Protein backbone atom coordinates (compact mmCIF):
# COMPACT_ATOMS: atom_id res chain seq x y z
CA MET A 1 0.24 -0.02 0.10
CA LEU A 2 1.38 3.38 -1.05
CA ALA A 3 1.71 5.95 2.09
CA THR A 4 -1.13 8.69 1.96
CA SER A 5 0.26 12.41 2.27
CA ILE A 6 -1.60 15.74 2.90
CA LYS A 7 -0.19 19.15 3.07
CA ILE A 8 -1.35 22.42 4.62
CA LEU A 9 -0.25 25.13 2.05
CA ASN A 10 -0.91 27.84 5.15
CA GLU A 11 -0.95 26.69 8.30
CA HIS A 12 -4.64 28.45 7.64
CA TYR A 13 -5.82 28.88 4.19
CA GLN A 14 -6.33 32.84 4.89
CA SER A 15 -2.60 32.68 7.06
CA LEU A 16 -1.44 35.47 4.57
CA ASN A 17 0.10 39.39 4.91
CA ASN A 18 -3.68 40.74 4.01
CA GLU A 19 -5.55 38.25 5.57
CA GLY A 20 -9.06 38.97 6.18
CA GLU A 21 -8.53 41.97 3.40
CA ASP A 22 -11.20 40.77 1.14
CA VAL A 23 -13.29 40.56 4.41
CA ILE A 24 -12.72 44.30 4.95
CA GLN A 25 -13.22 45.16 1.78
CA GLY A 26 -16.78 43.61 0.82
CA LEU A 27 -18.33 44.71 4.01
CA THR A 28 -17.38 48.22 3.70
CA ARG A 29 -18.16 49.07 0.23
CA SER A 30 -22.03 49.58 -0.77
CA PRO A 31 -23.91 47.16 -1.82
CA LYS A 32 -21.51 44.90 1.11
CA SER A 33 -20.38 41.29 -0.45
CA LEU A 34 -18.50 38.37 1.11
CA PRO A 35 -16.02 36.55 -0.79
CA ALA A 36 -17.94 32.73 -1.41
CA LYS A 37 -15.02 30.69 -0.25
CA TYR A 38 -15.74 31.68 3.26
CA PHE A 39 -18.26 29.40 2.83
CA TYR A 40 -15.72 26.45 3.60
CA ASP A 41 -14.80 25.58 6.90
CA ASP A 42 -15.36 22.18 7.91
CA TYR A 43 -18.80 22.61 8.78
CA GLY A 44 -19.86 24.34 5.79
CA SER A 45 -18.45 21.85 3.80
CA GLU A 46 -20.44 19.18 5.21
CA LEU A 47 -23.59 21.40 4.88
CA PHE A 48 -22.33 21.67 0.71
CA GLU A 49 -22.07 17.89 0.79
CA GLN A 50 -25.51 17.80 2.01
CA ILE A 51 -27.20 19.96 -0.66
CA CYS A 52 -25.49 18.43 -3.23
CA GLN A 53 -28.05 15.38 -2.12
CA LEU A 54 -31.04 17.59 -2.50
CA PRO A 55 -34.02 16.60 -5.29
CA GLU A 56 -33.67 20.28 -5.78
CA TYR A 57 -30.16 20.52 -6.31
CA TYR A 58 -29.46 19.06 -9.96
CA PRO A 59 -26.18 20.10 -10.72
CA THR A 60 -24.23 17.10 -8.83
CA ARG A 61 -26.69 14.13 -9.71
CA THR A 62 -26.45 15.55 -13.41
CA GLU A 63 -22.91 16.02 -13.74
CA ALA A 64 -22.26 12.67 -11.87
CA TRP A 65 -24.56 11.28 -14.33
CA ILE A 66 -22.38 12.31 -17.37
CA LEU A 67 -19.02 11.02 -15.44
CA HIS A 68 -20.70 7.74 -14.94
CA GLN A 69 -21.36 7.55 -18.50
CA TYR A 70 -18.14 8.85 -20.07
CA ALA A 71 -15.27 8.40 -17.79
CA ASP A 72 -13.81 5.86 -19.59
CA GLU A 73 -13.76 7.89 -22.58
CA ILE A 74 -12.34 10.88 -21.31
CA ALA A 75 -9.55 8.26 -19.76
CA GLN A 76 -9.48 6.95 -23.52
CA ILE A 77 -8.53 10.18 -24.62
CA THR A 78 -6.10 11.78 -21.93
CA GLY A 79 -4.18 8.62 -21.35
CA ALA A 80 -2.50 7.62 -17.94
CA CYS A 81 -1.79 11.22 -16.17
CA GLU A 82 -1.28 12.72 -13.22
CA LEU A 83 -4.77 13.55 -11.84
CA VAL A 84 -5.27 17.16 -9.73
CA GLU A 85 -8.42 17.93 -8.87
CA LEU A 86 -9.36 21.93 -7.52
CA GLY A 87 -12.24 22.05 -4.98
CA SER A 88 -12.07 18.26 -4.00
CA GLY A 89 -14.43 17.92 -1.48
CA SER A 90 -15.65 14.49 -0.47
CA SER A 91 -14.02 13.46 -3.96
CA THR A 92 -17.35 11.53 -4.43
CA LYS A 93 -18.14 12.13 -8.13
CA THR A 94 -14.26 11.74 -8.65
CA LEU A 95 -14.62 7.69 -8.36
CA PHE A 96 -16.11 7.40 -11.79
CA LEU A 97 -12.62 9.36 -13.57
CA LEU A 98 -10.34 6.98 -10.62
CA ASP A 99 -12.15 3.76 -11.56
CA ALA A 100 -11.43 4.54 -15.04
CA TYR A 101 -7.77 5.81 -14.57
CA GLN A 102 -7.53 2.22 -12.51
CA LYS A 103 -8.32 0.32 -15.96
CA LEU A 104 -5.75 1.97 -17.55
CA ALA A 105 -2.90 1.49 -15.34
CA SER A 106 -2.36 0.19 -11.79
CA TYR A 107 -0.60 3.27 -10.37
CA CYS A 108 -1.85 6.41 -10.56
CA ARG A 109 -1.06 9.58 -8.45
CA TYR A 110 -3.86 11.46 -7.37
CA ILE A 111 -3.66 15.29 -5.97
CA PRO A 112 -7.60 16.44 -4.23
CA ILE A 113 -7.28 20.04 -3.08
CA ASP A 114 -9.36 21.69 -0.24
CA VAL A 115 -9.76 24.50 1.54
CA SER A 116 -11.55 22.41 4.14
CA GLN A 117 -8.92 20.30 6.13
CA GLY A 118 -11.28 18.20 7.95
CA ILE A 119 -13.19 16.84 5.14
CA LEU A 120 -10.09 16.23 2.62
CA LYS A 121 -8.25 14.22 5.54
CA SER A 122 -11.30 12.12 5.64
CA SER A 123 -11.51 11.57 1.45
CA VAL A 124 -8.49 10.62 1.27
CA LEU A 125 -7.89 8.14 3.88
CA LYS A 126 -11.09 6.64 2.41
CA LEU A 127 -9.82 6.75 -1.01
CA GLN A 128 -6.36 5.32 -0.57
CA HIS A 129 -8.23 2.57 1.34
CA LYS A 130 -10.34 2.11 -1.89
CA TYR A 131 -7.47 2.26 -4.11
CA PRO A 132 -4.11 0.92 -2.65
CA THR A 133 -2.20 1.10 -5.58
CA PHE A 134 -2.53 4.60 -6.28
CA PHE A 135 -0.30 7.47 -4.43
CA ILE A 136 -3.22 10.01 -2.99
CA GLU A 137 -1.75 13.66 -1.69
CA GLY A 138 -3.95 15.67 -0.46
CA LEU A 139 -3.49 19.85 -0.55
CA ILE A 140 -5.14 21.79 1.98
CA GLY A 141 -5.09 25.37 0.92
CA THR A 142 -7.25 27.79 -1.86
CA TYR A 143 -7.08 26.95 -5.90
CA GLU A 144 -4.77 30.08 -6.01
CA GLN A 145 -2.02 28.56 -3.72
CA ALA A 146 -2.60 25.17 -5.55
CA LEU A 147 -1.72 26.19 -8.61
CA ILE A 148 1.67 28.39 -7.55
CA LYS A 149 2.88 25.61 -5.56
CA LEU A 150 2.38 22.78 -7.25
CA GLU A 151 5.26 20.67 -8.07
CA SER A 152 5.95 19.30 -11.33
CA ALA A 153 3.88 16.13 -12.45
CA PHE A 154 5.87 12.68 -12.21
CA THR A 155 4.42 11.27 -15.36
CA PRO A 156 4.52 12.13 -18.70
CA SER A 157 1.03 14.05 -18.74
CA ARG A 158 -1.22 15.64 -16.20
CA MET A 159 -4.75 16.36 -16.23
CA ILE A 160 -6.37 19.53 -13.83
CA PHE A 161 -10.06 19.31 -12.98
CA PHE A 162 -12.38 21.59 -11.78
CA LEU A 163 -16.01 20.16 -11.63
CA GLY A 164 -19.34 21.29 -9.63
CA SER A 165 -19.72 24.41 -11.87
CA SER A 166 -17.12 26.25 -9.26
CA LEU A 167 -16.01 28.34 -11.98
CA GLY A 168 -19.60 30.17 -12.15
CA ASN A 169 -18.65 31.22 -7.93
CA PHE A 170 -15.95 33.64 -10.41
CA SER A 171 -17.14 37.20 -11.96
CA PRO A 172 -15.54 37.15 -15.73
CA GLN A 173 -12.35 38.65 -14.53
CA GLU A 174 -11.77 36.48 -11.91
CA CYS A 175 -12.70 33.77 -14.40
CA ASP A 176 -10.28 35.16 -16.91
CA ASP A 177 -7.31 35.57 -13.94
CA PHE A 178 -8.03 31.60 -13.13
CA LEU A 179 -8.22 30.40 -16.74
CA LYS A 180 -4.56 32.13 -17.30
CA GLN A 181 -3.23 30.67 -13.99
CA ILE A 182 -4.48 27.54 -15.48
CA THR A 183 -3.01 27.44 -18.98
CA LYS A 184 0.65 28.80 -16.84
CA THR A 185 0.33 25.69 -14.59
CA LEU A 186 -0.34 23.24 -17.59
CA GLN A 187 2.67 21.94 -19.65
CA VAL A 188 2.11 21.70 -23.41
CA GLY A 189 0.10 18.38 -23.81
CA ASP A 190 -1.76 18.85 -20.80
CA TYR A 191 -5.16 18.60 -19.98
CA PHE A 192 -7.79 20.62 -17.91
CA LEU A 193 -11.33 18.85 -17.62
CA LEU A 194 -14.45 21.68 -16.81
CA GLY A 195 -17.57 20.68 -15.29
CA ILE A 196 -20.40 24.01 -16.18
CA ASP A 197 -23.53 24.51 -15.29
CA LEU A 198 -25.69 25.51 -18.25
CA GLN A 199 -28.66 28.30 -19.12
CA LYS A 200 -31.74 27.26 -18.35
CA PRO A 201 -35.18 28.59 -17.17
CA LYS A 202 -35.41 30.27 -14.00
CA GLU A 203 -37.85 28.07 -12.36
CA ILE A 204 -35.49 25.12 -12.22
CA LEU A 205 -32.51 27.24 -10.77
CA GLU A 206 -34.11 29.28 -8.32
CA PRO A 207 -35.90 26.18 -6.47
CA ALA A 208 -32.24 24.49 -6.35
CA TYR A 209 -30.69 27.50 -4.37
CA ASN A 210 -34.13 27.70 -2.12
CA ASP A 211 -34.60 24.17 -0.98
CA SER A 212 -37.71 23.44 0.93
CA LYS A 213 -35.43 21.55 4.09
CA GLY A 214 -33.61 24.93 4.70
CA VAL A 215 -29.76 23.20 4.10
CA THR A 216 -28.75 26.03 1.23
CA ALA A 217 -29.79 28.62 4.27
CA ALA A 218 -28.21 27.18 6.90
CA PHE A 219 -25.03 26.98 4.29
CA ASN A 220 -25.21 30.86 3.68
CA LEU A 221 -25.84 31.59 7.14
CA ASN A 222 -22.83 29.42 8.36
CA MET A 223 -20.35 32.05 6.42
CA LEU A 224 -21.24 34.28 9.14
CA SER A 225 -20.62 32.06 11.91
CA HIS A 226 -17.01 30.96 10.05
CA LEU A 227 -16.26 34.98 9.97
CA ASN A 228 -17.03 35.33 13.77
CA TRP A 229 -14.74 32.04 14.95
CA ARG A 230 -11.99 33.04 12.06
CA PHE A 231 -12.15 37.08 12.81
CA LYS A 232 -13.35 37.17 16.58
CA GLY A 233 -16.82 38.39 15.12
CA ASN A 234 -20.27 38.75 16.56
CA PHE A 235 -22.82 38.55 13.77
CA ASP A 236 -25.50 37.12 15.53
CA ILE A 237 -27.22 34.98 12.39
CA ASN A 238 -30.84 34.95 13.85
CA LEU A 239 -30.78 38.86 12.37
CA PHE A 240 -30.40 37.31 9.25
CA THR A 241 -32.39 35.65 6.70
CA HIS A 242 -31.31 33.78 3.10
CA GLN A 243 -32.24 33.80 -0.28
CA ALA A 244 -31.03 33.09 -3.92
CA ILE A 245 -32.55 35.03 -6.86
CA TYR A 246 -31.61 34.17 -10.89
CA ASN A 247 -30.38 37.40 -12.29
CA GLN A 248 -31.81 36.74 -16.01
CA THR A 249 -29.82 39.80 -17.47
CA ASP A 250 -26.20 38.68 -16.16
CA ALA A 251 -27.33 34.87 -16.18
CA GLN A 252 -26.40 34.08 -12.84
CA ILE A 253 -27.75 32.96 -9.19
CA GLU A 254 -27.05 35.49 -6.71
CA MET A 255 -27.26 34.49 -2.97
CA TYR A 256 -28.09 37.04 -0.26
CA LEU A 257 -28.25 37.27 3.43
CA HIS A 258 -30.58 39.94 4.30
CA CYS A 259 -30.49 41.67 7.29
CA GLN A 260 -33.77 41.96 9.67
CA ASN A 261 -33.08 44.79 12.24
CA SER A 262 -30.23 47.78 12.36
CA HIS A 263 -27.09 46.97 14.58
CA LYS A 264 -23.89 46.74 14.39
CA VAL A 265 -21.47 44.05 13.74
CA SER A 266 -17.48 44.04 15.55
CA LEU A 267 -14.77 41.77 14.05
CA LYS A 268 -12.13 42.07 16.45
CA ALA A 269 -9.31 40.33 14.76
CA LEU A 270 -9.86 42.80 11.72
CA ASP A 271 -10.24 46.35 14.19
CA LEU A 272 -13.96 46.05 11.79
CA GLN A 273 -16.92 47.53 12.71
CA VAL A 274 -19.50 47.71 10.72
CA LEU A 275 -23.31 49.26 10.50
CA PHE A 276 -26.39 47.02 9.24
CA THR A 277 -29.56 48.78 8.32
CA ASP A 278 -32.65 47.21 8.47
CA GLY A 279 -33.33 45.31 4.60
CA GLU A 280 -29.44 45.61 3.67
CA SER A 281 -27.94 42.56 2.17
CA ILE A 282 -24.83 41.04 2.00
CA LEU A 283 -24.31 39.12 -1.77
CA THR A 284 -22.39 35.86 -0.66
CA GLU A 285 -22.29 34.15 -3.75
CA ILE A 286 -22.85 34.10 -7.18
CA SER A 287 -23.10 30.99 -9.70
CA ARG A 288 -22.79 31.91 -13.48
CA LYS A 289 -24.47 29.55 -15.96
CA PHE A 290 -22.96 29.40 -19.28
CA ASP A 291 -23.50 28.76 -23.21
CA LEU A 292 -20.95 25.58 -23.97
CA VAL A 293 -20.04 27.02 -27.25
CA ILE A 294 -19.24 30.64 -25.91
CA MET A 295 -17.33 28.69 -22.99
CA GLN A 296 -15.10 26.44 -25.80
CA LYS A 297 -14.38 30.13 -27.35
CA GLN A 298 -13.25 31.27 -24.25
CA LEU A 299 -10.77 28.72 -23.39
CA GLU A 300 -9.57 28.88 -26.58
CA THR A 301 -8.43 32.16 -26.37
CA HIS A 302 -6.10 30.89 -23.79
CA GLY A 303 -4.33 27.82 -25.09
CA LEU A 304 -7.05 25.39 -24.15
CA LYS A 305 -8.17 23.76 -27.24
CA THR A 306 -11.45 21.85 -26.91
CA LEU A 307 -11.16 18.16 -27.55
CA LYS A 308 -14.46 16.77 -26.39
CA THR A 309 -17.86 18.25 -24.64
CA TRP A 310 -20.59 16.11 -22.99
CA THR A 311 -23.84 16.50 -21.95
CA ASP A 312 -26.78 15.08 -20.65
CA THR A 313 -29.92 14.28 -22.45
CA ARG A 314 -31.44 17.22 -21.44
CA HIS A 315 -28.36 19.89 -21.96
CA SER A 316 -28.46 21.21 -18.04
CA PHE A 317 -25.22 20.11 -18.01
CA GLY A 318 -21.48 20.29 -19.65
CA LEU A 319 -18.10 19.01 -19.37
CA ILE A 320 -15.41 20.44 -21.11
CA LEU A 321 -12.06 18.32 -22.33
CA CYS A 322 -9.27 20.63 -23.20
CA GLN A 323 -6.01 19.98 -24.19
CA ALA A 324 -3.17 23.14 -23.64
């Protein structure tokens, strides 16, 4: 059995010289906003895994169906290669890919990357037991840290994959910067596999982010609890409510926390005090919905040539396999 490895890219994924600067900027501008990465403390990651099982939340099961159908084809196109997953979570959908690459070679190197230390350690241990001949090395950190610090591949080629339409959480500029970093990390001939949620009616989209069990609401509100812990804050989550709407003009879900009463919040570690007025909102996430053809053109501008695309029967979700 090969050894399991876990590396922490930073002792805390925010422990940089400008720790919390993005929180200060977001809460002092108008309208207020917070980066989606603060969803993912260990409890937030557990809640997101629950969201993925909800009947209203179609993206996870749809993408899983596509991977189940076409993982073998993806592996045949790329051949045996090192696998790097950004935002791996529990790696549940990844099993389809790992099974496919196991058919090509008994040895494979898989590098899952996530900001949640708890869920990453748990998933790495389970995967190492399931794939004893694989080398599995978990990296705890952000996408940016991982792509900067990723070591050279141990095999002739590498495939970085980014599933779950997590790209949709980036603004157009952030998306462009991210793809530049992907291109910089890949060597000529390496692969990039991208999962994207496609545009569809708001009658399907809005229920997926406003589930009847309230799990998404708990996930959204937990961001404030995470900020309390990380920055010695005193957010009262009972003073905020969750709402997600579909902005048809920008083709994106927007998730908000609405303040119910005027009050002041302190984040002592950031030396920050913020006044919230009754009815004021914090934008906590965008989830952009994509056009498959337009996304292929955008990837092409970054030197990522599309080899093949796959969708479900309703064309609600897409996978794009590119090569640098």
